[in-house]
Amino acid sequence: MKKAGVRAFYTNIMDRTEIISFEPQQYIVEGNMVVVLGQEHQKVKRSGRELKQKWVQIYTVENKLITKMEEFATSEEVG
Protein backbone atom coordinates (compact mmCIF):
# COMPACT_ATOMS: atom_id res chain seq x y z
CA MET A 1 0.00 0.00 0.00
CA LYS A 2 1.40 3.39 -0.95
CA LYS A 3 1.51 6.40 1.39
CA ALA A 4 -1.67 7.83 -0.14
CA GLY A 5 -3.46 4.52 0.43
CA VAL A 6 -2.37 4.37 4.05
CA ARG A 7 -3.46 7.99 4.57
CA ALA A 8 -6.89 7.25 3.02
CA PHE A 9 -7.30 4.12 5.17
CA TYR A 10 -6.69 6.00 8.43
CA THR A 11 -8.67 9.08 7.35
CA ASN A 12 -11.67 6.82 6.71
CA ILE A 13 -11.39 5.34 10.20
CA MET A 14 -11.07 8.77 11.86
CA ASP A 15 -14.04 10.17 9.87
CA ARG A 16 -16.30 7.35 11.07
CA THR A 17 -15.14 6.72 14.64
CA GLU A 18 -14.06 8.51 17.78
CA ILE A 19 -11.11 6.75 19.39
CA ILE A 20 -11.67 6.73 23.16
CA SER A 21 -8.50 4.76 23.91
CA PHE A 22 -5.79 3.03 21.87
CA GLU A 23 -3.31 0.99 23.89
CA PRO A 24 -0.43 -1.01 22.41
CA GLN A 25 0.51 -3.34 25.26
CA GLN A 26 3.32 -5.56 24.06
CA TYR A 27 5.89 -5.47 21.25
CA ILE A 28 7.64 -8.58 19.95
CA VAL A 29 10.51 -8.09 17.48
CA GLU A 30 12.11 -10.89 15.51
CA GLY A 31 14.22 -10.14 12.46
CA ASN A 32 12.26 -7.79 10.20
CA MET A 33 8.91 -8.63 11.84
CA VAL A 34 7.27 -6.61 14.62
CA VAL A 35 4.20 -7.99 16.37
CA VAL A 36 2.12 -5.60 18.49
CA LEU A 37 -0.59 -6.76 20.89
CA GLY A 38 -3.08 -4.20 22.13
CA GLN A 39 -6.61 -3.04 22.72
CA GLU A 40 -8.81 -0.08 21.90
CA HIS A 41 -12.17 1.45 22.71
CA GLN A 42 -14.01 3.42 20.04
CA LYS A 43 -17.37 5.03 19.35
CA VAL A 44 -19.07 4.89 15.96
CA LYS A 45 -20.00 8.51 15.19
CA ARG A 46 -23.14 7.76 13.16
CA SER A 47 -24.83 5.31 15.57
CA GLY A 48 -23.20 6.14 18.91
CA ARG A 49 -22.36 2.43 19.42
CA GLU A 50 -19.24 1.77 21.43
CA LEU A 51 -16.89 -1.10 20.66
CA LYS A 52 -13.94 -2.56 22.51
CA GLN A 53 -11.37 -4.52 20.56
CA LYS A 54 -8.35 -6.65 21.32
CA TRP A 55 -5.97 -6.87 18.39
CA VAL A 56 -2.71 -8.17 17.02
CA GLN A 57 -0.87 -6.17 14.36
CA ILE A 58 1.98 -7.74 12.40
CA TYR A 59 4.40 -5.44 10.57
CA THR A 60 7.12 -6.35 8.10
CA VAL A 61 9.90 -3.74 8.04
CA GLU A 62 12.44 -3.35 5.25
CA ASN A 63 14.97 -0.50 5.00
CA LYS A 64 13.33 1.18 8.02
CA LEU A 65 9.93 1.30 6.24
CA ILE A 66 6.79 -0.73 6.90
CA THR A 67 6.23 -2.81 3.77
CA LYS A 68 3.36 -4.96 5.02
CA MET A 69 0.80 -4.77 7.83
CA GLU A 70 -1.77 -7.34 8.92
CA GLU A 71 -4.29 -7.01 11.73
CA PHE A 72 -6.40 -9.58 13.52
CA ALA A 73 -9.04 -8.36 15.98
CA THR A 74 -11.96 -9.36 18.13
CA SER A 75 -14.71 -6.87 19.00
CA GLU A 76 -17.50 -6.58 21.49
CA GLU A 77 -20.17 -3.93 21.73
CA VAL A 78 -20.32 -2.08 25.04
CA GLY A 79 -22.50 0.60 26.55
PDB file of N, CA and C in Angstrom:
ATOM      1  N   MET A   1       0.849  -1.175   0.000  1.00  0.00           N
ATOM      2  CA  MET A   1       0.000   0.000   0.000  1.00  0.00           C
ATOM      3  C   MET A   1       0.894   1.237   0.000  1.00  0.00           C
ATOM      4  N   LYS A   2       0.622   2.154  -0.853  1.00  0.00           N
ATOM      5  CA  LYS A   2       1.401   3.388  -0.951  1.00  0.00           C
ATOM      6  C   LYS A   2       0.997   4.354   0.159  1.00  0.00           C
ATOM      7  N   LYS A   3       1.800   5.405   0.342  1.00  0.00           N
ATOM      8  CA  LYS A   3       1.514   6.399   1.386  1.00  0.00           C
ATOM      9  C   LYS A   3       0.108   6.960   1.261  1.00  0.00           C
ATOM     10  N   ALA A   4      -0.328   7.274   0.057  1.00  0.00           N
ATOM     11  CA  ALA A   4      -1.672   7.833  -0.137  1.00  0.00           C
ATOM     12  C   ALA A   4      -2.742   6.828   0.288  1.00  0.00           C
ATOM     13  N   GLY A   5      -2.515   5.551   0.022  1.00  0.00           N
ATOM     14  CA  GLY A   5      -3.461   4.518   0.427  1.00  0.00           C
ATOM     15  C   GLY A   5      -3.543   4.374   1.936  1.00  0.00           C
ATOM     16  N   VAL A   6      -2.402   4.448   2.582  1.00  0.00           N
ATOM     17  CA  VAL A   6      -2.368   4.374   4.050  1.00  0.00           C
ATOM     18  C   VAL A   6      -3.092   5.582   4.640  1.00  0.00           C
ATOM     19  N   ARG A   7      -2.809   6.758   4.091  1.00  0.00           N
ATOM     20  CA  ARG A   7      -3.457   7.988   4.571  1.00  0.00           C
ATOM     21  C   ARG A   7      -4.976   7.880   4.412  1.00  0.00           C
ATOM     22  N   ALA A   8      -5.457   7.400   3.266  1.00  0.00           N
ATOM     23  CA  ALA A   8      -6.894   7.253   3.017  1.00  0.00           C
ATOM     24  C   ALA A   8      -7.514   6.247   3.978  1.00  0.00           C
ATOM     25  N   PHE A   9      -6.811   5.143   4.250  1.00  0.00           N
ATOM     26  CA  PHE A   9      -7.298   4.122   5.173  1.00  0.00           C
ATOM     27  C   PHE A   9      -7.541   4.721   6.562  1.00  0.00           C
ATOM     28  N   TYR A  10      -6.552   5.439   7.090  1.00  0.00           N
ATOM     29  CA  TYR A  10      -6.692   6.004   8.435  1.00  0.00           C
ATOM     30  C   TYR A  10      -7.648   7.191   8.470  1.00  0.00           C
ATOM     31  N   THR A  11      -7.711   7.977   7.406  1.00  0.00           N
ATOM     32  CA  THR A  11      -8.675   9.078   7.349  1.00  0.00           C
ATOM     33  C   THR A  11     -10.097   8.538   7.406  1.00  0.00           C
ATOM     34  N   ASN A  12     -10.353   7.456   6.695  1.00  0.00           N
ATOM     35  CA  ASN A  12     -11.674   6.821   6.708  1.00  0.00           C
ATOM     36  C   ASN A  12     -12.054   6.380   8.122  1.00  0.00           C
ATOM     37  N   ILE A  13     -11.125   5.773   8.831  1.00  0.00           N
ATOM     38  CA  ILE A  13     -11.389   5.345  10.204  1.00  0.00           C
ATOM     39  C   ILE A  13     -11.698   6.550  11.086  1.00  0.00           C
ATOM     40  N   MET A  14     -10.899   7.595  10.994  1.00  0.00           N
ATOM     41  CA  MET A  14     -11.071   8.771  11.856  1.00  0.00           C
ATOM     42  C   MET A  14     -12.350   9.546  11.515  1.00  0.00           C
ATOM     43  N   ASP A  15     -12.787   9.506  10.256  1.00  0.00           N
ATOM     44  CA  ASP A  15     -14.035  10.166   9.871  1.00  0.00           C
ATOM     45  C   ASP A  15     -15.251   9.452  10.453  1.00  0.00           C
ATOM     46  N   ARG A  16     -15.145   8.154  10.645  1.00  0.00           N
ATOM     47  CA  ARG A  16     -16.296   7.354  11.073  1.00  0.00           C
ATOM     48  C   ARG A  16     -16.327   7.028  12.565  1.00  0.00           C
ATOM     49  N   THR A  17     -15.188   7.125  13.232  1.00  0.00           N
ATOM     50  CA  THR A  17     -15.142   6.725  14.638  1.00  0.00           C
ATOM     51  C   THR A  17     -14.439   7.760  15.500  1.00  0.00           C
ATOM     52  N   GLU A  18     -14.771   7.733  16.772  1.00  0.00           N
ATOM     53  CA  GLU A  18     -14.057   8.514  17.781  1.00  0.00           C
ATOM     54  C   GLU A  18     -13.258   7.510  18.600  1.00  0.00           C
ATOM     55  N   ILE A  19     -11.959   7.663  18.625  1.00  0.00           N
ATOM     56  CA  ILE A  19     -11.109   6.752  19.391  1.00  0.00           C
ATOM     57  C   ILE A  19     -11.103   7.222  20.840  1.00  0.00           C
ATOM     58  N   ILE A  20     -11.629   6.403  21.727  1.00  0.00           N
ATOM     59  CA  ILE A  20     -11.670   6.729  23.158  1.00  0.00           C
ATOM     60  C   ILE A  20     -10.342   6.335  23.798  1.00  0.00           C
ATOM     61  N   SER A  21      -9.830   5.166  23.437  1.00  0.00           N
ATOM     62  CA  SER A  21      -8.503   4.759  23.907  1.00  0.00           C
ATOM     63  C   SER A  21      -7.880   3.832  22.869  1.00  0.00           C
ATOM     64  N   PHE A  22      -6.563   3.873  22.779  1.00  0.00           N
ATOM     65  CA  PHE A  22      -5.790   3.025  21.872  1.00  0.00           C
ATOM     66  C   PHE A  22      -4.520   2.666  22.616  1.00  0.00           C
ATOM     67  N   GLU A  23      -4.368   1.384  22.979  1.00  0.00           N
ATOM     68  CA  GLU A  23      -3.305   0.990  23.890  1.00  0.00           C
ATOM     69  C   GLU A  23      -2.480  -0.183  23.357  1.00  0.00           C
ATOM     70  N   PRO A  24      -1.365   0.085  22.686  1.00  0.00           N
ATOM     71  CA  PRO A  24      -0.432  -1.008  22.405  1.00  0.00           C
ATOM     72  C   PRO A  24       0.108  -1.501  23.749  1.00  0.00           C
ATOM     73  N   GLN A  25       0.118  -2.810  23.965  1.00  0.00           N
ATOM     74  CA  GLN A  25       0.512  -3.335  25.265  1.00  0.00           C
ATOM     75  C   GLN A  25       1.805  -4.139  25.245  1.00  0.00           C
ATOM     76  N   GLN A  26       2.110  -4.744  24.112  1.00  0.00           N
ATOM     77  CA  GLN A  26       3.321  -5.561  24.056  1.00  0.00           C
ATOM     78  C   GLN A  26       3.876  -5.540  22.640  1.00  0.00           C
ATOM     79  N   TYR A  27       5.195  -5.450  22.535  1.00  0.00           N
ATOM     80  CA  TYR A  27       5.889  -5.474  21.251  1.00  0.00           C
ATOM     81  C   TYR A  27       6.813  -6.682  21.234  1.00  0.00           C
ATOM     82  N   ILE A  28       6.761  -7.431  20.135  1.00  0.00           N
ATOM     83  CA  ILE A  28       7.635  -8.585  19.950  1.00  0.00           C
ATOM     84  C   ILE A  28       8.369  -8.357  18.626  1.00  0.00           C
ATOM     85  N   VAL A  29       9.704  -8.357  18.677  1.00  0.00           N
ATOM     86  CA  VAL A  29      10.505  -8.091  17.480  1.00  0.00           C
ATOM     87  C   VAL A  29      11.359  -9.313  17.186  1.00  0.00           C
ATOM     88  N   GLU A  30      11.271  -9.771  15.942  1.00  0.00           N
ATOM     89  CA  GLU A  30      12.107 -10.886  15.509  1.00  0.00           C
ATOM     90  C   GLU A  30      12.488 -10.652  14.054  1.00  0.00           C
ATOM     91  N   GLY A  31      13.765 -10.426  13.822  1.00  0.00           N
ATOM     92  CA  GLY A  31      14.221 -10.135  12.456  1.00  0.00           C
ATOM     93  C   GLY A  31      13.560  -8.873  11.943  1.00  0.00           C
ATOM     94  N   ASN A  32      12.929  -8.966  10.765  1.00  0.00           N
ATOM     95  CA  ASN A  32      12.261  -7.795  10.199  1.00  0.00           C
ATOM     96  C   ASN A  32      10.757  -7.781  10.489  1.00  0.00           C
ATOM     97  N   MET A  33      10.320  -8.568  11.478  1.00  0.00           N
ATOM     98  CA  MET A  33       8.912  -8.626  11.835  1.00  0.00           C
ATOM     99  C   MET A  33       8.697  -8.033  13.232  1.00  0.00           C
ATOM    100  N   VAL A  34       7.666  -7.192  13.338  1.00  0.00           N
ATOM    101  CA  VAL A  34       7.273  -6.610  14.623  1.00  0.00           C
ATOM    102  C   VAL A  34       5.820  -6.984  14.855  1.00  0.00           C
ATOM    103  N   VAL A  35       5.545  -7.606  15.993  1.00  0.00           N
ATOM    104  CA  VAL A  35       4.195  -7.992  16.373  1.00  0.00           C
ATOM    105  C   VAL A  35       3.784  -7.107  17.550  1.00  0.00           C
ATOM    106  N   VAL A  36       2.611  -6.485  17.433  1.00  0.00           N
ATOM    107  CA  VAL A  36       2.118  -5.598  18.488  1.00  0.00           C
ATOM    108  C   VAL A  36       0.786  -6.134  18.969  1.00  0.00           C
ATOM    109  N   LEU A  37       0.661  -6.346  20.286  1.00  0.00           N
ATOM    110  CA  LEU A  37      -0.591  -6.762  20.891  1.00  0.00           C
ATOM    111  C   LEU A  37      -1.179  -5.564  21.617  1.00  0.00           C
ATOM    112  N   GLY A  38      -2.483  -5.355  21.474  1.00  0.00           N
ATOM    113  CA  GLY A  38      -3.079  -4.198  22.125  1.00  0.00           C
ATOM    114  C   GLY A  38      -4.589  -4.270  22.184  1.00  0.00           C
ATOM    115  N   GLN A  39      -5.158  -3.148  22.631  1.00  0.00           N
ATOM    116  CA  GLN A  39      -6.607  -3.039  22.724  1.00  0.00           C
ATOM    117  C   GLN A  39      -7.024  -1.597  22.483  1.00  0.00           C
ATOM    118  N   GLU A  40      -8.293  -1.427  22.119  1.00  0.00           N
ATOM    119  CA  GLU A  40      -8.814  -0.081  21.904  1.00  0.00           C
ATOM    120  C   GLU A  40     -10.292  -0.025  22.244  1.00  0.00           C
ATOM    121  N   HIS A  41     -10.765   1.182  22.423  1.00  0.00           N
ATOM    122  CA  HIS A  41     -12.169   1.455  22.709  1.00  0.00           C
ATOM    123  C   HIS A  41     -12.552   2.594  21.772  1.00  0.00           C
ATOM    124  N   GLN A  42     -13.618   2.403  21.002  1.00  0.00           N
ATOM    125  CA  GLN A  42     -14.014   3.422  20.042  1.00  0.00           C
ATOM    126  C   GLN A  42     -15.527   3.583  20.009  1.00  0.00           C
ATOM    127  N   LYS A  43     -15.951   4.723  19.490  1.00  0.00           N
ATOM    128  CA  LYS A  43     -17.369   5.027  19.351  1.00  0.00           C
ATOM    129  C   LYS A  43     -17.653   5.319  17.883  1.00  0.00           C
ATOM    130  N   VAL A  44     -18.666   4.655  17.336  1.00  0.00           N
ATOM    131  CA  VAL A  44     -19.075   4.885  15.956  1.00  0.00           C
ATOM    132  C   VAL A  44     -19.872   6.190  15.930  1.00  0.00           C
ATOM    133  N   LYS A  45     -19.392   7.174  15.186  1.00  0.00           N
ATOM    134  CA  LYS A  45     -19.998   8.508  15.192  1.00  0.00           C
ATOM    135  C   LYS A  45     -21.458   8.481  14.752  1.00  0.00           C
ATOM    136  N   ARG A  46     -21.782   7.751  13.716  1.00  0.00           N
ATOM    137  CA  ARG A  46     -23.143   7.764  13.162  1.00  0.00           C
ATOM    138  C   ARG A  46     -24.172   7.153  14.114  1.00  0.00           C
ATOM    139  N   SER A  47     -23.846   6.034  14.746  1.00  0.00           N
ATOM    140  CA  SER A  47     -24.827   5.314  15.573  1.00  0.00           C
ATOM    141  C   SER A  47     -24.647   5.545  17.069  1.00  0.00           C
ATOM    142  N   GLY A  48     -23.468   5.988  17.487  1.00  0.00           N
ATOM    143  CA  GLY A  48     -23.199   6.138  18.910  1.00  0.00           C
ATOM    144  C   GLY A  48     -22.795   4.828  19.590  1.00  0.00           C
ATOM    145  N   ARG A  49     -22.762   3.718  18.836  1.00  0.00           N
ATOM    146  CA  ARG A  49     -22.364   2.426  19.417  1.00  0.00           C
ATOM    147  C   ARG A  49     -20.907   2.492  19.848  1.00  0.00           C
ATOM    148  N   GLU A  50     -20.621   1.850  20.959  1.00  0.00           N
ATOM    149  CA  GLU A  50     -19.243   1.767  21.430  1.00  0.00           C
ATOM    150  C   GLU A  50     -18.753   0.336  21.289  1.00  0.00           C
ATOM    151  N   LEU A  51     -17.509   0.209  20.854  1.00  0.00           N
ATOM    152  CA  LEU A  51     -16.894  -1.095  20.660  1.00  0.00           C
ATOM    153  C   LEU A  51     -15.566  -1.143  21.391  1.00  0.00           C
ATOM    154  N   LYS A  52     -15.266  -2.293  21.958  1.00  0.00           N
ATOM    155  CA  LYS A  52     -13.939  -2.555  22.508  1.00  0.00           C
ATOM    156  C   LYS A  52     -13.337  -3.675  21.679  1.00  0.00           C
ATOM    157  N   GLN A  53     -12.060  -3.529  21.364  1.00  0.00           N
ATOM    158  CA  GLN A  53     -11.370  -4.524  20.562  1.00  0.00           C
ATOM    159  C   GLN A  53     -10.052  -4.912  21.209  1.00  0.00           C
ATOM    160  N   LYS A  54      -9.706  -6.175  21.055  1.00  0.00           N
ATOM    161  CA  LYS A  54      -8.354  -6.648  21.324  1.00  0.00           C
ATOM    162  C   LYS A  54      -7.794  -6.995  19.961  1.00  0.00           C
ATOM    163  N   TRP A  55      -6.522  -6.666  19.717  1.00  0.00           N
ATOM    164  CA  TRP A  55      -5.970  -6.870  18.393  1.00  0.00           C
ATOM    165  C   TRP A  55      -4.505  -7.283  18.433  1.00  0.00           C
ATOM    166  N   VAL A  56      -4.098  -7.842  17.289  1.00  0.00           N
ATOM    167  CA  VAL A  56      -2.706  -8.173  17.022  1.00  0.00           C
ATOM    168  C   VAL A  56      -2.378  -7.554  15.667  1.00  0.00           C
ATOM    169  N   GLN A  57      -1.332  -6.758  15.612  1.00  0.00           N
ATOM    170  CA  GLN A  57      -0.867  -6.175  14.356  1.00  0.00           C
ATOM    171  C   GLN A  57       0.516  -6.752  14.060  1.00  0.00           C
ATOM    172  N   ILE A  58       0.712  -7.160  12.817  1.00  0.00           N
ATOM    173  CA  ILE A  58       1.983  -7.740  12.400  1.00  0.00           C
ATOM    174  C   ILE A  58       2.560  -6.866  11.291  1.00  0.00           C
ATOM    175  N   TYR A  59       3.740  -6.324  11.531  1.00  0.00           N
ATOM    176  CA  TYR A  59       4.397  -5.441  10.570  1.00  0.00           C
ATOM    177  C   TYR A  59       5.651  -6.114  10.021  1.00  0.00           C
ATOM    178  N   THR A  60       5.865  -5.965   8.723  1.00  0.00           N
ATOM    179  CA  THR A  60       7.121  -6.348   8.096  1.00  0.00           C
ATOM    180  C   THR A  60       7.854  -5.054   7.783  1.00  0.00           C
ATOM    181  N   VAL A  61       9.113  -4.957   8.211  1.00  0.00           N
ATOM    182  CA  VAL A  61       9.901  -3.738   8.044  1.00  0.00           C
ATOM    183  C   VAL A  61      11.108  -4.038   7.167  1.00  0.00           C
ATOM    184  N   GLU A  62      11.284  -3.222   6.140  1.00  0.00           N
ATOM    185  CA  GLU A  62      12.443  -3.353   5.251  1.00  0.00           C
ATOM    186  C   GLU A  62      13.007  -1.962   5.005  1.00  0.00           C
ATOM    187  N   ASN A  63      14.310  -1.800   5.180  1.00  0.00           N
ATOM    188  CA  ASN A  63      14.969  -0.503   4.996  1.00  0.00           C
ATOM    189  C   ASN A  63      14.312   0.597   5.822  1.00  0.00           C
ATOM    190  N   LYS A  64      13.952   0.259   7.056  1.00  0.00           N
ATOM    191  CA  LYS A  64      13.333   1.183   8.018  1.00  0.00           C
ATOM    192  C   LYS A  64      11.943   1.662   7.607  1.00  0.00           C
ATOM    193  N   LEU A  65      11.287   0.966   6.671  1.00  0.00           N
ATOM    194  CA  LEU A  65       9.934   1.301   6.242  1.00  0.00           C
ATOM    195  C   LEU A  65       9.023   0.097   6.429  1.00  0.00           C
ATOM    196  N   ILE A  66       7.775   0.341   6.806  1.00  0.00           N
ATOM    197  CA  ILE A  66       6.789  -0.732   6.904  1.00  0.00           C
ATOM    198  C   ILE A  66       6.369  -1.100   5.486  1.00  0.00           C
ATOM    199  N   THR A  67       6.584  -2.354   5.112  1.00  0.00           N
ATOM    200  CA  THR A  67       6.228  -2.807   3.773  1.00  0.00           C
ATOM    201  C   THR A  67       4.965  -3.659   3.764  1.00  0.00           C
ATOM    202  N   LYS A  68       4.565  -4.139   4.938  1.00  0.00           N
ATOM    203  CA  LYS A  68       3.359  -4.959   5.024  1.00  0.00           C
ATOM    204  C   LYS A  68       2.796  -4.834   6.427  1.00  0.00           C
ATOM    205  N   MET A  69       1.457  -4.818   6.525  1.00  0.00           N
ATOM    206  CA  MET A  69       0.797  -4.767   7.827  1.00  0.00           C
ATOM    207  C   MET A  69      -0.435  -5.662   7.766  1.00  0.00           C
ATOM    208  N   GLU A  70      -0.585  -6.499   8.776  1.00  0.00           N
ATOM    209  CA  GLU A  70      -1.773  -7.340   8.917  1.00  0.00           C
ATOM    210  C   GLU A  70      -2.340  -7.092  10.300  1.00  0.00           C
ATOM    211  N   GLU A  71      -3.670  -7.184  10.426  1.00  0.00           N
ATOM    212  CA  GLU A  71      -4.291  -7.007  11.734  1.00  0.00           C
ATOM    213  C   GLU A  71      -5.363  -8.073  11.924  1.00  0.00           C
ATOM    214  N   PHE A  72      -5.396  -8.611  13.132  1.00  0.00           N
ATOM    215  CA  PHE A  72      -6.401  -9.582  13.524  1.00  0.00           C
ATOM    216  C   PHE A  72      -7.030  -9.044  14.799  1.00  0.00           C
ATOM    217  N   ALA A  73      -8.385  -9.002  14.841  1.00  0.00           N
ATOM    218  CA  ALA A  73      -9.037  -8.361  15.976  1.00  0.00           C
ATOM    219  C   ALA A  73     -10.316  -9.081  16.371  1.00  0.00           C
ATOM    220  N   THR A  74     -10.661  -8.945  17.631  1.00  0.00           N
ATOM    221  CA  THR A  74     -11.959  -9.362  18.128  1.00  0.00           C
ATOM    222  C   THR A  74     -12.658  -8.110  18.655  1.00  0.00           C
ATOM    223  N   SER A  75     -13.970  -8.051  18.548  1.00  0.00           N
ATOM    224  CA  SER A  75     -14.709  -6.872  18.997  1.00  0.00           C
ATOM    225  C   SER A  75     -15.901  -7.297  19.848  1.00  0.00           C
ATOM    226  N   GLU A  76     -16.268  -6.402  20.739  1.00  0.00           N
ATOM    227  CA  GLU A  76     -17.498  -6.576  21.487  1.00  0.00           C
ATOM    228  C   GLU A  76     -18.137  -5.215  21.660  1.00  0.00           C
ATOM    229  N   GLU A  77     -19.455  -5.188  21.541  1.00  0.00           N
ATOM    230  CA  GLU A  77     -20.172  -3.932  21.728  1.00  0.00           C
ATOM    231  C   GLU A  77     -20.357  -3.694  23.224  1.00  0.00           C
ATOM    232  N   VAL A  78     -20.155  -2.453  23.633  1.00  0.00           N
ATOM    233  CA  VAL A  78     -20.321  -2.079  25.040  1.00  0.00           C
ATOM    234  C   VAL A  78     -21.217  -0.855  25.123  1.00  0.00           C
ATOM    235  N   GLY A  79     -21.736  -0.622  26.293  1.00  0.00           N
ATOM    236  CA  GLY A  79     -22.504   0.598  26.549  1.00  0.00           C
ATOM    237  C   GLY A  79     -23.757   0.767  25.821  1.00  0.00           C
TER     238      GLY A  79
END
